[in-house]
Amino acid sequence: MFKICLVEDEINLNNLIKNYLEHEGYNVIPKYNGKEAYEIIGNEKVDLWILDIMLGDEISGYDLIKKIRETDSDVPVIFTSARDQDLDKIIGLELGSDDYITKPYSPKELVLRVNKLINRIYKESIKTLSYETYVIDTSKRTIFEGNKEIKLTTLEFDLLILLLNSKSNSFSRDEILDKIWGNDYYGSDRVVDDLVRRLRKKMPKLRVNTLYGFGYRLT
């Protein structure tokens, strides 16, 4: 599970983004000022930083990225700012940021940018996933248990990856419909139950828990 440090002094926004990222399966460390974030740089492994430029204390996002780059030249960094100015973006890029997003922004847009960066920077490490005795190759879309290949349909494989990437997170049937079938699907949400049933049958070691009246969770 990839670890993200989210540095944002607006508490409500911090909590909102944290929830969105955790729903995608990320481990999120929330920090509400520059001093808190500064103290963990170099002392805790972080796979991606999200830094608000203007924080509520004497340490800015610019100060943080300078310190981060002293200890890790490759870890991806996304800057956020309420100021949509070319100079801010230029300074951010010069200091080593990988992306820049202007407030107000959609949490879904930020999550998409995070996913894109994670996939690009860590593509080798996320090619293969494992669960119990199953080995899942996400690029080839194959699953093996020992020497035996387990054949899944496209939808079954997409559901498996969704659950694996967000292990222990709960998904409602509507959320699964949106992520697997797309938001233009207008059929019954009972197709989700059928898809889960088929996946359980093919991979009986998957611990897909039913949350009655809500949805499912992989543990």
C-alpha atoms as a PDB file:
ATOM      1  CA  MET A   1       0.000   0.000   0.000  1.00  0.00           C
ATOM      2  CA  PHE A   2       1.455   3.332  -1.064  1.00  0.00           C
ATOM      3  CA  LYS A   3       1.873   5.998   1.604  1.00  0.00           C
ATOM      4  CA  ILE A   4       0.923   9.610   0.884  1.00  0.00           C
ATOM      5  CA  CYS A   5       1.678  12.581   3.107  1.00  0.00           C
ATOM      6  CA  LEU A   6      -1.049  15.188   2.683  1.00  0.00           C
ATOM      7  CA  VAL A   7       0.013  18.636   3.912  1.00  0.00           C
ATOM      8  CA  GLU A   8      -3.011  20.939   3.960  1.00  0.00           C
ATOM      9  CA  ASP A   9      -3.879  23.477   6.674  1.00  0.00           C
ATOM     10  CA  GLU A  10      -7.577  23.662   5.786  1.00  0.00           C
ATOM     11  CA  ILE A  11      -8.825  20.935   8.135  1.00  0.00           C
ATOM     12  CA  ASN A  12     -12.075  20.194   6.302  1.00  0.00           C
ATOM     13  CA  LEU A  13     -10.325  19.975   2.930  1.00  0.00           C
ATOM     14  CA  ASN A  14      -7.566  17.820   4.442  1.00  0.00           C
ATOM     15  CA  ASN A  15     -10.142  15.395   5.844  1.00  0.00           C
ATOM     16  CA  LEU A  16     -12.084  15.325   2.575  1.00  0.00           C
ATOM     17  CA  ILE A  17      -9.035  14.560   0.432  1.00  0.00           C
ATOM     18  CA  LYS A  18      -7.835  11.996   2.964  1.00  0.00           C
ATOM     19  CA  ASN A  19     -11.136  10.134   2.661  1.00  0.00           C
ATOM     20  CA  TYR A  20     -10.974  10.137  -1.138  1.00  0.00           C
ATOM     21  CA  LEU A  21      -7.386   8.843  -1.182  1.00  0.00           C
ATOM     22  CA  GLU A  22      -8.066   6.160   1.423  1.00  0.00           C
ATOM     23  CA  HIS A  23     -11.021   5.036  -0.644  1.00  0.00           C
ATOM     24  CA  GLU A  24      -8.567   4.439  -3.484  1.00  0.00           C
ATOM     25  CA  GLY A  25      -6.477   2.227  -1.201  1.00  0.00           C
ATOM     26  CA  TYR A  26      -3.750   4.665  -0.165  1.00  0.00           C
ATOM     27  CA  ASN A  27      -2.306   5.012   3.327  1.00  0.00           C
ATOM     28  CA  VAL A  28      -2.613   8.738   4.101  1.00  0.00           C
ATOM     29  CA  ILE A  29      -0.628  10.707   6.693  1.00  0.00           C
ATOM     30  CA  PRO A  30      -2.459  14.013   7.242  1.00  0.00           C
ATOM     31  CA  LYS A  31      -0.421  17.049   8.317  1.00  0.00           C
ATOM     32  CA  TYR A  32      -2.035  20.381   9.076  1.00  0.00           C
ATOM     33  CA  ASN A  33       0.987  22.705   9.076  1.00  0.00           C
ATOM     34  CA  GLY A  34       4.527  22.936   7.774  1.00  0.00           C
ATOM     35  CA  LYS A  35       6.201  22.154  11.086  1.00  0.00           C
ATOM     36  CA  GLU A  36       4.386  18.825  11.464  1.00  0.00           C
ATOM     37  CA  ALA A  37       5.343  17.807   7.936  1.00  0.00           C
ATOM     38  CA  TYR A  38       8.936  19.017   8.258  1.00  0.00           C
ATOM     39  CA  GLU A  39       9.527  16.741  11.244  1.00  0.00           C
ATOM     40  CA  ILE A  40       8.832  13.506   9.337  1.00  0.00           C
ATOM     41  CA  ILE A  41      10.940  14.289   6.254  1.00  0.00           C
ATOM     42  CA  GLY A  42      13.707  11.722   6.145  1.00  0.00           C
ATOM     43  CA  ASN A  43      12.322   9.949   9.194  1.00  0.00           C
ATOM     44  CA  GLU A  44       9.359   8.198   7.600  1.00  0.00           C
ATOM     45  CA  LYS A  45       9.060   6.594   4.176  1.00  0.00           C
ATOM     46  CA  VAL A  46       6.600   8.485   1.988  1.00  0.00           C
ATOM     47  CA  ASP A  47       5.748   7.438  -1.583  1.00  0.00           C
ATOM     48  CA  LEU A  48       4.090  10.706  -2.624  1.00  0.00           C
ATOM     49  CA  TRP A  49       3.706  14.186  -1.108  1.00  0.00           C
ATOM     50  CA  ILE A  50       0.807  16.582  -1.612  1.00  0.00           C
ATOM     51  CA  LEU A  51       1.902  20.032  -0.459  1.00  0.00           C
ATOM     52  CA  ASP A  52      -0.171  23.162  -0.085  1.00  0.00           C
ATOM     53  CA  ILE A  53       2.133  26.085  -0.885  1.00  0.00           C
ATOM     54  CA  MET A  54       0.709  28.566   1.617  1.00  0.00           C
ATOM     55  CA  LEU A  55       0.476  26.985   5.072  1.00  0.00           C
ATOM     56  CA  GLY A  56      -0.580  28.513   8.370  1.00  0.00           C
ATOM     57  CA  ASP A  57       2.875  28.771   9.906  1.00  0.00           C
ATOM     58  CA  GLU A  58       6.336  29.971   8.984  1.00  0.00           C
ATOM     59  CA  ILE A  59       7.120  26.883   6.893  1.00  0.00           C
ATOM     60  CA  SER A  60       5.734  26.922   3.349  1.00  0.00           C
ATOM     61  CA  GLY A  61       5.316  24.189   0.784  1.00  0.00           C
ATOM     62  CA  TYR A  62       8.415  25.563  -0.936  1.00  0.00           C
ATOM     63  CA  ASP A  63      10.433  25.039   2.258  1.00  0.00           C
ATOM     64  CA  LEU A  64       9.126  21.492   2.530  1.00  0.00           C
ATOM     65  CA  ILE A  65      10.025  20.459  -1.010  1.00  0.00           C
ATOM     66  CA  LYS A  66      13.556  21.810  -0.567  1.00  0.00           C
ATOM     67  CA  LYS A  67      13.959  19.587   2.494  1.00  0.00           C
ATOM     68  CA  ILE A  68      12.325  16.631   0.740  1.00  0.00           C
ATOM     69  CA  ARG A  69      14.689  16.903  -2.213  1.00  0.00           C
ATOM     70  CA  GLU A  70      17.672  16.863   0.154  1.00  0.00           C
ATOM     71  CA  THR A  71      16.668  13.374   1.257  1.00  0.00           C
ATOM     72  CA  ASP A  72      14.908  11.977  -1.825  1.00  0.00           C
ATOM     73  CA  SER A  73      15.340  13.316  -5.336  1.00  0.00           C
ATOM     74  CA  ASP A  74      12.788  10.987  -6.924  1.00  0.00           C
ATOM     75  CA  VAL A  75       9.709  10.880  -4.681  1.00  0.00           C
ATOM     76  CA  PRO A  76       6.774  12.513  -6.534  1.00  0.00           C
ATOM     77  CA  VAL A  77       5.400  15.817  -5.214  1.00  0.00           C
ATOM     78  CA  ILE A  78       2.137  17.553  -6.099  1.00  0.00           C
ATOM     79  CA  PHE A  79       1.726  21.222  -5.203  1.00  0.00           C
ATOM     80  CA  THR A  80      -1.674  22.732  -4.444  1.00  0.00           C
ATOM     81  CA  SER A  81      -2.335  26.458  -4.254  1.00  0.00           C
ATOM     82  CA  ALA A  82      -5.184  28.954  -4.185  1.00  0.00           C
ATOM     83  CA  ARG A  83      -3.117  31.193  -6.445  1.00  0.00           C
ATOM     84  CA  ASP A  84      -3.289  30.440 -10.159  1.00  0.00           C
ATOM     85  CA  GLN A  85      -0.123  32.212 -11.173  1.00  0.00           C
ATOM     86  CA  ASP A  86       2.443  31.086 -13.704  1.00  0.00           C
ATOM     87  CA  LEU A  87       5.262  32.178 -11.382  1.00  0.00           C
ATOM     88  CA  ASP A  88       4.087  29.773  -8.665  1.00  0.00           C
ATOM     89  CA  LYS A  89       4.017  26.917 -11.152  1.00  0.00           C
ATOM     90  CA  ILE A  90       7.464  27.792 -12.484  1.00  0.00           C
ATOM     91  CA  ILE A  91       8.945  27.984  -8.984  1.00  0.00           C
ATOM     92  CA  GLY A  92       7.314  24.684  -8.095  1.00  0.00           C
ATOM     93  CA  LEU A  93       8.755  22.976 -11.163  1.00  0.00           C
ATOM     94  CA  GLU A  94      12.185  24.463 -10.555  1.00  0.00           C
ATOM     95  CA  LEU A  95      12.136  23.129  -6.997  1.00  0.00           C
ATOM     96  CA  GLY A  96      11.306  19.656  -8.274  1.00  0.00           C
ATOM     97  CA  SER A  97       7.531  19.262  -8.134  1.00  0.00           C
ATOM     98  CA  ASP A  98       5.860  16.813 -10.515  1.00  0.00           C
ATOM     99  CA  ASP A  99       2.444  18.432 -10.742  1.00  0.00           C
ATOM    100  CA  TYR A 100       0.518  21.548  -9.711  1.00  0.00           C
ATOM    101  CA  ILE A 101      -3.203  21.888  -9.098  1.00  0.00           C
ATOM    102  CA  THR A 102      -5.064  25.121  -8.373  1.00  0.00           C
ATOM    103  CA  LYS A 103      -7.733  25.515  -5.703  1.00  0.00           C
ATOM    104  CA  PRO A 104     -10.606  25.042  -5.737  1.00  0.00           C
ATOM    105  CA  TYR A 105     -10.178  21.646  -7.338  1.00  0.00           C
ATOM    106  CA  SER A 106     -12.236  18.482  -7.580  1.00  0.00           C
ATOM    107  CA  PRO A 107     -11.068  15.752  -5.175  1.00  0.00           C
ATOM    108  CA  LYS A 108     -11.615  13.263  -7.999  1.00  0.00           C
ATOM    109  CA  GLU A 109      -9.250  15.245 -10.235  1.00  0.00           C
ATOM    110  CA  LEU A 110      -6.571  15.175  -7.543  1.00  0.00           C
ATOM    111  CA  VAL A 111      -7.036  11.429  -7.093  1.00  0.00           C
ATOM    112  CA  LEU A 112      -6.658  10.926 -10.856  1.00  0.00           C
ATOM    113  CA  ARG A 113      -3.403  12.894 -10.827  1.00  0.00           C
ATOM    114  CA  VAL A 114      -2.159  10.907  -7.838  1.00  0.00           C
ATOM    115  CA  ASN A 115      -2.974   7.619  -9.571  1.00  0.00           C
ATOM    116  CA  LYS A 116      -1.219   8.774 -12.743  1.00  0.00           C
ATOM    117  CA  LEU A 117       1.949   9.718 -10.861  1.00  0.00           C
ATOM    118  CA  ILE A 118       1.973   6.539  -8.776  1.00  0.00           C
ATOM    119  CA  ASN A 119       1.528   4.404 -11.881  1.00  0.00           C
ATOM    120  CA  ARG A 120       4.319   6.214 -13.715  1.00  0.00           C
ATOM    121  CA  ILE A 121       6.860   6.338 -10.895  1.00  0.00           C
ATOM    122  CA  TYR A 122       6.196   2.931  -9.392  1.00  0.00           C
ATOM    123  CA  LYS A 123       4.995   1.002 -12.431  1.00  0.00           C
ATOM    124  CA  GLU A 124       7.472  -1.834 -11.906  1.00  0.00           C
ATOM    125  CA  SER A 125       6.470  -2.384  -8.294  1.00  0.00           C
ATOM    126  CA  ILE A 126       2.735  -2.427  -8.991  1.00  0.00           C
ATOM    127  CA  LYS A 127       2.862  -4.789 -11.958  1.00  0.00           C
ATOM    128  CA  THR A 128       2.436  -7.860  -9.752  1.00  0.00           C
ATOM    129  CA  LEU A 129       0.085  -8.200  -6.805  1.00  0.00           C
ATOM    130  CA  SER A 130      -0.355 -11.147  -4.469  1.00  0.00           C
ATOM    131  CA  TYR A 131      -3.144 -12.335  -2.228  1.00  0.00           C
ATOM    132  CA  GLU A 132      -2.991 -15.597  -0.303  1.00  0.00           C
ATOM    133  CA  THR A 133      -1.654 -18.062  -2.900  1.00  0.00           C
ATOM    134  CA  TYR A 134      -2.779 -15.998  -5.909  1.00  0.00           C
ATOM    135  CA  VAL A 135      -0.306 -14.033  -8.053  1.00  0.00           C
ATOM    136  CA  ILE A 136      -1.907 -11.307 -10.157  1.00  0.00           C
ATOM    137  CA  ASP A 137      -0.072  -9.667 -13.066  1.00  0.00           C
ATOM    138  CA  THR A 138      -1.863  -6.368 -13.597  1.00  0.00           C
ATOM    139  CA  SER A 139      -0.185  -5.590 -16.918  1.00  0.00           C
ATOM    140  CA  LYS A 140      -0.860  -8.982 -18.527  1.00  0.00           C
ATOM    141  CA  ARG A 141      -4.147  -9.330 -16.618  1.00  0.00           C
ATOM    142  CA  THR A 142      -3.352 -12.898 -15.617  1.00  0.00           C
ATOM    143  CA  ILE A 143      -3.816 -14.770 -12.352  1.00  0.00           C
ATOM    144  CA  PHE A 144      -1.938 -17.868 -11.253  1.00  0.00           C
ATOM    145  CA  GLU A 145      -2.181 -20.113  -8.257  1.00  0.00           C
ATOM    146  CA  GLY A 146       0.996 -22.147  -8.463  1.00  0.00           C
ATOM    147  CA  ASN A 147       1.126 -23.392 -12.058  1.00  0.00           C
ATOM    148  CA  LYS A 148      -2.628 -23.151 -12.533  1.00  0.00           C
ATOM    149  CA  GLU A 149      -3.997 -20.131 -14.379  1.00  0.00           C
ATOM    150  CA  ILE A 150      -7.334 -18.764 -13.222  1.00  0.00           C
ATOM    151  CA  LYS A 151      -9.387 -17.318 -16.059  1.00  0.00           C
ATOM    152  CA  LEU A 152     -11.452 -14.232 -15.269  1.00  0.00           C
ATOM    153  CA  THR A 153     -13.707 -12.129 -17.459  1.00  0.00           C
ATOM    154  CA  THR A 154     -12.864  -8.462 -17.963  1.00  0.00           C
ATOM    155  CA  LEU A 155     -15.418  -7.339 -15.361  1.00  0.00           C
ATOM    156  CA  GLU A 156     -14.315  -9.983 -12.859  1.00  0.00           C
ATOM    157  CA  PHE A 157     -10.690  -8.903 -13.202  1.00  0.00           C
ATOM    158  CA  ASP A 158     -11.601  -5.209 -12.877  1.00  0.00           C
ATOM    159  CA  LEU A 159     -13.537  -5.950  -9.682  1.00  0.00           C
ATOM    160  CA  LEU A 160     -10.640  -7.976  -8.296  1.00  0.00           C
ATOM    161  CA  ILE A 161      -8.161  -5.129  -8.881  1.00  0.00           C
ATOM    162  CA  LEU A 162     -10.565  -2.587  -7.387  1.00  0.00           C
ATOM    163  CA  LEU A 163     -10.866  -4.663  -4.209  1.00  0.00           C
ATOM    164  CA  LEU A 164      -7.145  -5.444  -3.995  1.00  0.00           C
ATOM    165  CA  ASN A 165      -6.122  -1.816  -4.438  1.00  0.00           C
ATOM    166  CA  SER A 166      -8.555  -0.725  -1.740  1.00  0.00           C
ATOM    167  CA  LYS A 167      -8.219  -3.603   0.667  1.00  0.00           C
ATOM    168  CA  SER A 168     -10.262  -3.216   3.877  1.00  0.00           C
ATOM    169  CA  ASN A 169     -12.206  -0.311   2.363  1.00  0.00           C
ATOM    170  CA  SER A 170     -15.956  -0.696   1.957  1.00  0.00           C
ATOM    171  CA  PHE A 171     -17.688  -0.215  -1.397  1.00  0.00           C
ATOM    172  CA  SER A 172     -21.396   0.280  -1.882  1.00  0.00           C
ATOM    173  CA  ARG A 173     -23.061  -1.440  -4.827  1.00  0.00           C
ATOM    174  CA  ASP A 174     -23.500   1.947  -6.503  1.00  0.00           C
ATOM    175  CA  GLU A 175     -19.788   2.724  -6.135  1.00  0.00           C
ATOM    176  CA  ILE A 176     -18.853  -0.624  -7.684  1.00  0.00           C
ATOM    177  CA  LEU A 177     -21.290  -0.011 -10.535  1.00  0.00           C
ATOM    178  CA  ASP A 178     -19.737   3.396 -11.179  1.00  0.00           C
ATOM    179  CA  LYS A 179     -16.150   2.136 -11.099  1.00  0.00           C
ATOM    180  CA  ILE A 180     -16.640  -1.129 -13.016  1.00  0.00           C
ATOM    181  CA  TRP A 181     -19.549  -0.478 -15.390  1.00  0.00           C
ATOM    182  CA  GLY A 182     -19.211   3.304 -15.611  1.00  0.00           C
ATOM    183  CA  ASN A 183     -21.555   6.082 -14.572  1.00  0.00           C
ATOM    184  CA  ASP A 184     -23.688   5.647 -17.695  1.00  0.00           C
ATOM    185  CA  TYR A 185     -24.943   2.224 -16.563  1.00  0.00           C
ATOM    186  CA  TYR A 186     -28.648   2.274 -15.693  1.00  0.00           C
ATOM    187  CA  GLY A 187     -29.400  -1.381 -14.925  1.00  0.00           C
ATOM    188  CA  SER A 188     -30.017  -3.071 -11.587  1.00  0.00           C
ATOM    189  CA  ASP A 189     -27.295  -3.002  -8.936  1.00  0.00           C
ATOM    190  CA  ARG A 190     -27.906  -6.735  -8.449  1.00  0.00           C
ATOM    191  CA  VAL A 191     -25.424  -7.368 -11.277  1.00  0.00           C
ATOM    192  CA  VAL A 192     -22.796  -6.513  -8.635  1.00  0.00           C
ATOM    193  CA  ASP A 193     -23.942  -9.415  -6.457  1.00  0.00           C
ATOM    194  CA  ASP A 194     -23.726 -11.778  -9.417  1.00  0.00           C
ATOM    195  CA  LEU A 195     -20.228 -10.533 -10.298  1.00  0.00           C
ATOM    196  CA  VAL A 196     -19.031 -11.004  -6.713  1.00  0.00           C
ATOM    197  CA  ARG A 197     -20.562 -14.504  -6.628  1.00  0.00           C
ATOM    198  CA  ARG A 198     -18.683 -15.513  -9.795  1.00  0.00           C
ATOM    199  CA  LEU A 199     -15.415 -14.065  -8.498  1.00  0.00           C
ATOM    200  CA  ARG A 200     -15.768 -15.921  -5.180  1.00  0.00           C
ATOM    201  CA  LYS A 201     -16.414 -19.178  -7.031  1.00  0.00           C
ATOM    202  CA  LYS A 202     -13.282 -18.839  -9.159  1.00  0.00           C
ATOM    203  CA  MET A 203     -11.089 -17.555  -6.311  1.00  0.00           C
ATOM    204  CA  PRO A 204     -12.467 -19.113  -3.096  1.00  0.00           C
ATOM    205  CA  LYS A 205      -9.592 -17.835  -0.958  1.00  0.00           C
ATOM    206  CA  LEU A 206     -10.686 -14.224  -1.496  1.00  0.00           C
ATOM    207  CA  ARG A 207     -12.186 -12.910   1.715  1.00  0.00           C
ATOM    208  CA  VAL A 208     -14.888 -10.733   0.186  1.00  0.00           C
ATOM    209  CA  ASN A 209     -17.194  -9.793   3.041  1.00  0.00           C
ATOM    210  CA  THR A 210     -20.819  -8.911   2.380  1.00  0.00           C
ATOM    211  CA  LEU A 211     -21.984  -5.745   4.116  1.00  0.00           C
ATOM    212  CA  TYR A 212     -25.715  -6.375   4.181  1.00  0.00           C
ATOM    213  CA  GLY A 213     -27.762  -3.534   2.804  1.00  0.00           C
ATOM    214  CA  PHE A 214     -24.610  -1.749   1.578  1.00  0.00           C
ATOM    215  CA  GLY A 215     -21.997  -3.597  -0.447  1.00  0.00           C
ATOM    216  CA  TYR A 216     -18.700  -5.431  -0.110  1.00  0.00           C
ATOM    217  CA  ARG A 217     -15.230  -5.284   1.435  1.00  0.00           C
ATOM    218  CA  LEU A 218     -12.077  -7.354   0.858  1.00  0.00           C
ATOM    219  CA  THR A 219     -10.054  -8.212   3.980  1.00  0.00           C
END
